[in-house]
Protein backbone atom coordinates (compact mmCIF):
# COMPACT_ATOMS: atom_id res chain seq x y z
CA UNK A 1 0.14 0.12 -0.08
CA UNK A 2 1.45 3.34 -0.97
CA UNK A 3 1.70 5.97 1.62
CA UNK A 4 0.38 10.07 0.96
CA UNK A 5 3.60 11.55 -0.29
CA UNK A 6 4.05 8.54 -2.89
CA UNK A 7 0.24 9.06 -4.20
CA UNK A 8 0.94 12.69 -4.22
CA UNK A 9 3.78 12.43 -6.43
CA UNK A 10 2.50 9.92 -9.00
CA UNK A 11 -0.41 12.10 -9.07
CA UNK A 12 1.27 14.65 -9.93
CA UNK A 13 3.13 12.66 -12.26
CA UNK A 14 -0.13 11.25 -14.04
CA UNK A 15 -1.23 14.85 -14.18
CA UNK A 16 1.74 16.52 -15.87
CA UNK A 17 1.95 13.31 -18.48
CA UNK A 18 -2.05 14.19 -18.90
CA UNK A 19 -1.22 17.90 -19.84
CA UNK A 20 1.77 16.72 -22.20
CA UNK A 21 -0.92 14.24 -23.81
CA UNK A 22 -3.63 16.61 -24.18
CA UNK A 23 -1.34 19.41 -25.77
CA UNK A 24 0.29 16.68 -28.37
CA UNK A 25 -3.47 15.75 -28.98
CA UNK A 26 -4.35 19.43 -29.96
CA UNK A 27 -1.27 20.13 -31.58
CA UNK A 28 -1.93 17.13 -34.30
CA UNK A 29 -5.42 17.28 -34.19
CA UNK A 30 -6.35 14.05 -32.53
CA UNK A 31 -9.12 14.65 -30.19
CA UNK A 32 -8.79 10.96 -29.08
CA UNK A 33 -5.43 11.46 -27.49
CA UNK A 34 -6.89 15.10 -26.16
CA UNK A 35 -9.24 13.36 -24.51
CA UNK A 36 -7.25 10.53 -23.21
CA UNK A 37 -4.67 13.12 -21.50
CA UNK A 38 -7.40 15.35 -19.69
CA UNK A 39 -8.70 11.93 -18.40
CA UNK A 40 -4.92 11.07 -17.30
CA UNK A 41 -5.06 14.56 -15.60
CA UNK A 42 -8.01 14.23 -14.07
CA UNK A 43 -6.62 10.86 -12.62
CA UNK A 44 -3.85 12.10 -11.32
CA UNK A 45 -5.77 14.98 -9.43
CA UNK A 46 -7.81 12.34 -7.87
CA UNK A 47 -4.44 10.54 -6.89
CA UNK A 48 -3.08 13.67 -5.56
CA UNK A 49 -6.19 14.05 -3.50
CA UNK A 50 -6.44 10.63 -2.30
CA UNK A 51 -2.33 11.12 -1.03
CA UNK A 52 -3.73 14.33 0.36
CA UNK A 53 -6.56 12.80 2.76
CA UNK A 54 -3.93 9.55 3.50
CA UNK A 55 -1.53 12.44 5.26
CA UNK A 56 -4.32 14.39 6.82
CA UNK A 57 -5.42 11.20 8.26
CA UNK A 58 -2.28 10.21 9.85
CA UNK A 59 -1.83 13.45 11.65
């Protein structure tokens, strides 16, 4: 099981990767890639929130 900091780091990385994917989709005109990027960003945000919640629960 991951701790809060790991979740936050992975969430941030996922969000950044999704941002890049969305930009590539926009640049290439690929709506599918752009949509996948948006989904990945949302997943990253959720994962980051999960990490925040775990850290708050520890205190």
